[in-house]
Amino acid sequence: MTSREAAYDRAVELATGGSRAILGITGPPAAGKSTYAEQLAAQLIADGHKVALVPMDGYHLAQAALEELGLAEVKGAPHTFDGYGFVALLERLKRSPDETIWAPRFNRDLEDSIAASIPVAPEVSLVITEGNYLLLDREPWSTGRTLLDACWYLDLSADVRHERLEQRHLRHGRSPDEAHERTFGSDENNARLIAATASAADAIISL
């Protein structure tokens, strides 16, 4: 396990390496990826580093598309993302550091993505991206992995994750039965798939 302090020091190294780096943060649903990535980015920025946070969730397929495809009930599975679009963004971020690049942002209130919401300016030396499938050993995710300078896996107890997931589903209007079914159904299937990728991480951070 890697401590938060050691992880921060490594992030500073990436941010000061002389060329733009991309750090991935992955883990199962409700492991705390978004919160940890936001805190890490904020701390780095407060310490004077030029950092942008670009979550993978911006590449969710639109809710209307998921409903048309019959995939709304498994939203969050690998095939409910535009994975190739996400990898193309990573490639632009890595290969074209001299241009301002705009990334999409996922809005949880709308349950949809908003295009061109996150600017990544040329002076950004570290891009942090977080998402479920950054270590998945299948295309297009495996190509995306080659564009990450490091990828960390967040580990959290299953009980805490399940409680967080059920509460999240309740906040978004699902009934208690629906929230429980989603948490221990499609969400848990995704969690098992993601957990199997932990061994490929550069570091495992326990929350």
Protein backbone atom coordinates (compact mmCIF):
# COMPACT_ATOMS: atom_id res chain seq x y z
CA MET A 1 0.00 0.00 0.00
CA THR A 2 1.12 3.56 -0.72
CA SER A 3 0.38 6.35 1.75
CA ARG A 4 -1.33 9.54 0.67
CA GLU A 5 1.84 11.46 1.52
CA ALA A 6 4.01 9.27 -0.72
CA ALA A 7 1.40 9.49 -3.47
CA TYR A 8 1.44 13.29 -3.25
CA ASP A 9 5.23 13.36 -3.54
CA ARG A 10 4.99 11.19 -6.66
CA ALA A 11 2.36 13.51 -8.12
CA VAL A 12 4.72 16.45 -7.58
CA GLU A 13 7.43 14.55 -9.44
CA LEU A 14 5.05 14.02 -12.35
CA ALA A 15 4.04 17.70 -12.35
CA THR A 16 7.65 18.86 -12.43
CA GLY A 17 9.13 16.35 -14.84
CA GLY A 18 9.66 18.82 -17.68
CA SER A 19 6.91 17.61 -20.00
CA ARG A 20 3.18 17.13 -19.58
CA ALA A 21 2.33 13.99 -17.64
CA ILE A 22 -0.99 12.19 -17.21
CA LEU A 23 -1.86 10.49 -13.93
CA GLY A 24 -4.72 8.01 -13.81
CA ILE A 25 -6.73 7.18 -10.70
CA THR A 26 -8.95 4.12 -10.83
CA GLY A 27 -10.95 1.86 -8.55
CA PRO A 28 -14.43 0.35 -8.24
CA PRO A 29 -17.65 2.41 -8.13
CA ALA A 30 -17.87 4.62 -5.01
CA ALA A 31 -14.25 3.96 -4.01
CA GLY A 32 -13.72 7.72 -3.74
CA LYS A 33 -11.99 8.39 -7.06
CA SER A 34 -13.65 11.73 -7.77
CA THR A 35 -13.17 13.08 -4.25
CA TYR A 36 -9.55 11.95 -4.02
CA ALA A 37 -8.71 13.31 -7.49
CA GLU A 38 -10.32 16.66 -6.65
CA GLN A 39 -8.44 16.90 -3.36
CA LEU A 40 -5.15 15.94 -4.96
CA ALA A 41 -5.58 18.46 -7.78
CA ALA A 42 -6.55 21.20 -5.32
CA GLN A 43 -3.52 20.54 -3.12
CA LEU A 44 -1.16 20.55 -6.08
CA ILE A 45 -2.64 23.79 -7.42
CA ALA A 46 -2.41 25.39 -3.97
CA ASP A 47 1.28 24.46 -3.96
CA GLY A 48 1.82 26.27 -7.26
CA HIS A 49 1.59 23.45 -9.81
CA LYS A 50 -0.38 23.72 -13.05
CA VAL A 51 -2.87 20.86 -12.93
CA ALA A 52 -6.09 19.97 -14.75
CA LEU A 53 -8.62 17.34 -13.70
CA VAL A 54 -10.28 15.51 -16.61
CA PRO A 55 -12.57 12.65 -15.44
CA MET A 56 -13.38 9.73 -17.71
CA ASP A 57 -17.07 10.09 -16.83
CA GLY A 58 -17.40 12.80 -19.46
CA TYR A 59 -17.39 9.96 -21.99
CA HIS A 60 -20.55 8.28 -20.72
CA LEU A 61 -22.87 7.63 -23.64
CA ALA A 62 -25.80 10.05 -23.49
CA GLN A 63 -28.74 8.88 -21.40
CA ALA A 64 -31.01 9.01 -24.46
CA ALA A 65 -28.57 6.81 -26.37
CA LEU A 66 -28.37 4.31 -23.51
CA GLU A 67 -32.15 4.09 -23.37
CA GLU A 68 -32.39 3.63 -27.13
CA LEU A 69 -29.77 0.87 -26.97
CA GLY A 70 -31.40 -0.81 -23.97
CA LEU A 71 -28.32 -0.16 -21.82
CA ALA A 72 -29.68 2.30 -19.26
CA GLU A 73 -29.87 -0.34 -16.53
CA VAL A 74 -26.19 -1.21 -16.88
CA LYS A 75 -24.93 2.37 -17.13
CA GLY A 76 -21.34 2.38 -15.94
CA ALA A 77 -20.32 -0.88 -17.65
CA PRO A 78 -17.39 -0.62 -20.08
CA HIS A 79 -19.59 -0.67 -23.18
CA THR A 80 -21.65 2.29 -21.93
CA PHE A 81 -18.72 4.66 -22.46
CA ASP A 82 -17.22 6.12 -25.62
CA GLY A 83 -13.90 4.54 -24.76
CA TYR A 84 -12.29 5.33 -28.09
CA GLY A 85 -13.25 8.98 -27.69
CA PHE A 86 -11.67 9.04 -24.24
CA VAL A 87 -8.45 7.51 -25.52
CA ALA A 88 -8.37 10.02 -28.38
CA LEU A 89 -8.59 12.80 -25.79
CA LEU A 90 -5.69 11.31 -23.81
CA GLU A 91 -3.64 11.18 -26.99
CA ARG A 92 -4.35 14.84 -27.74
CA LEU A 93 -3.48 15.82 -24.17
CA LYS A 94 -0.21 13.94 -24.46
CA ARG A 95 0.81 14.77 -28.01
CA SER A 96 -0.48 18.35 -28.38
CA PRO A 97 0.53 20.21 -25.23
CA ASP A 98 0.78 23.57 -27.03
CA GLU A 99 -2.96 23.96 -27.67
CA THR A 100 -5.88 24.51 -25.35
CA ILE A 101 -7.89 21.29 -25.34
CA TRP A 102 -11.52 21.13 -24.19
CA ALA A 103 -12.85 18.02 -22.47
CA PRO A 104 -16.42 17.02 -21.58
CA ARG A 105 -17.76 16.98 -18.04
CA PHE A 106 -20.36 14.57 -16.61
CA ASN A 107 -23.18 16.31 -14.73
CA ARG A 108 -24.69 14.01 -12.11
CA ASP A 109 -27.80 16.15 -11.75
CA LEU A 110 -28.53 15.83 -15.47
CA GLU A 111 -27.13 12.27 -15.66
CA ASP A 112 -25.52 13.39 -18.91
CA SER A 113 -22.26 14.82 -20.20
CA ILE A 114 -21.71 18.41 -21.28
CA ALA A 115 -19.25 18.80 -24.13
CA ALA A 116 -16.27 21.18 -24.08
CA SER A 117 -16.62 22.01 -20.37
CA ILE A 118 -13.08 21.50 -19.03
CA PRO A 119 -10.23 23.54 -20.52
CA VAL A 120 -6.69 22.17 -20.44
CA ALA A 121 -4.35 25.07 -21.14
CA PRO A 122 -0.85 24.72 -22.60
CA GLU A 123 0.77 25.57 -19.26
CA VAL A 124 -0.78 22.54 -17.56
CA SER A 125 2.04 20.17 -16.64
CA LEU A 126 -0.06 17.43 -15.04
CA VAL A 127 -3.43 16.10 -16.13
CA ILE A 128 -5.23 13.94 -13.59
CA THR A 129 -7.87 11.62 -14.98
CA GLU A 130 -10.04 9.28 -12.95
CA GLY A 131 -12.37 6.51 -13.98
CA ASN A 132 -13.34 2.88 -13.66
CA TYR A 133 -11.52 1.19 -16.50
CA LEU A 134 -8.11 2.83 -16.80
CA LEU A 135 -6.36 -0.52 -16.19
CA LEU A 136 -8.73 -2.78 -18.09
CA ASP A 137 -6.72 -5.07 -20.37
CA ARG A 138 -8.87 -4.76 -23.46
CA GLU A 139 -9.23 -2.20 -26.20
CA PRO A 140 -9.59 0.71 -26.19
CA TRP A 141 -8.67 0.93 -22.51
CA SER A 142 -5.36 -0.89 -22.93
CA THR A 143 -4.25 1.73 -25.48
CA GLY A 144 -5.28 4.44 -23.05
CA ARG A 145 -3.09 2.86 -20.38
CA THR A 146 0.00 3.38 -22.55
CA LEU A 147 -0.68 7.13 -22.48
CA LEU A 148 -0.71 7.31 -18.67
CA ASP A 149 2.59 8.05 -16.96
CA ALA A 150 1.23 6.42 -13.81
CA CYS A 151 -2.03 4.85 -12.69
CA TRP A 152 -3.09 4.36 -9.09
CA TYR A 153 -5.79 2.08 -7.72
CA LEU A 154 -7.95 3.18 -4.80
CA ASP A 155 -8.93 0.46 -2.35
CA LEU A 156 -11.93 0.83 -0.04
CA SER A 157 -13.85 -1.73 1.98
CA ALA A 158 -16.82 -3.26 0.18
CA ASP A 159 -19.23 -2.40 3.00
CA VAL A 160 -18.45 1.31 2.78
CA ARG A 161 -18.66 1.26 -1.01
CA HIS A 162 -22.03 -0.48 -0.98
CA GLU A 163 -23.45 2.02 1.50
CA ARG A 164 -22.20 4.92 -0.61
CA LEU A 165 -23.66 3.42 -3.78
CA GLU A 166 -27.08 2.79 -2.28
CA GLN A 167 -27.21 6.34 -0.95
CA ARG A 168 -26.14 7.70 -4.35
CA HIS A 169 -28.91 5.81 -6.11
CA LEU A 170 -31.46 7.01 -3.55
CA ARG A 171 -30.38 10.62 -4.12
CA HIS A 172 -30.99 10.15 -7.83
CA GLY A 173 -34.57 9.09 -7.33
CA ARG A 174 -34.43 5.31 -7.17
CA SER A 175 -36.54 3.44 -4.63
CA PRO A 176 -34.77 1.55 -1.82
CA ASP A 177 -35.35 -1.73 -3.66
CA GLU A 178 -34.05 -0.32 -6.93
CA ALA A 179 -31.01 1.19 -5.20
CA HIS A 180 -30.18 -2.13 -3.53
CA GLU A 181 -30.65 -4.09 -6.76
CA ARG A 182 -28.44 -1.71 -8.74
CA THR A 183 -25.74 -1.68 -6.05
CA PHE A 184 -25.47 -5.46 -5.81
CA GLY A 185 -26.28 -6.09 -9.47
CA SER A 186 -24.65 -4.20 -12.31
CA ASP A 187 -22.51 -2.02 -10.00
CA GLU A 188 -21.08 -5.07 -8.25
CA ASN A 189 -20.39 -6.78 -11.59
CA ASN A 190 -18.41 -3.71 -12.62
CA ALA A 191 -16.62 -3.62 -9.26
CA ARG A 192 -15.41 -7.21 -9.67
CA LEU A 193 -14.15 -6.46 -13.17
CA ILE A 194 -12.26 -3.41 -11.93
CA ALA A 195 -10.87 -5.18 -8.84
CA ALA A 196 -9.25 -7.74 -11.13
CA THR A 197 -7.13 -4.93 -12.64
CA ALA A 198 -5.62 -3.77 -9.33
CA SER A 199 -2.43 -5.79 -9.79
CA ALA A 200 -1.57 -3.71 -12.87
CA ALA A 201 -1.55 -0.43 -10.91
CA ASP A 202 1.65 1.46 -10.17
CA ALA A 203 0.42 2.01 -6.62
CA ILE A 204 -2.51 0.97 -4.45
CA ILE A 205 -3.82 3.61 -2.07
CA SER A 206 -6.02 2.48 0.81
CA LEU A 207 -8.82 4.84 1.78
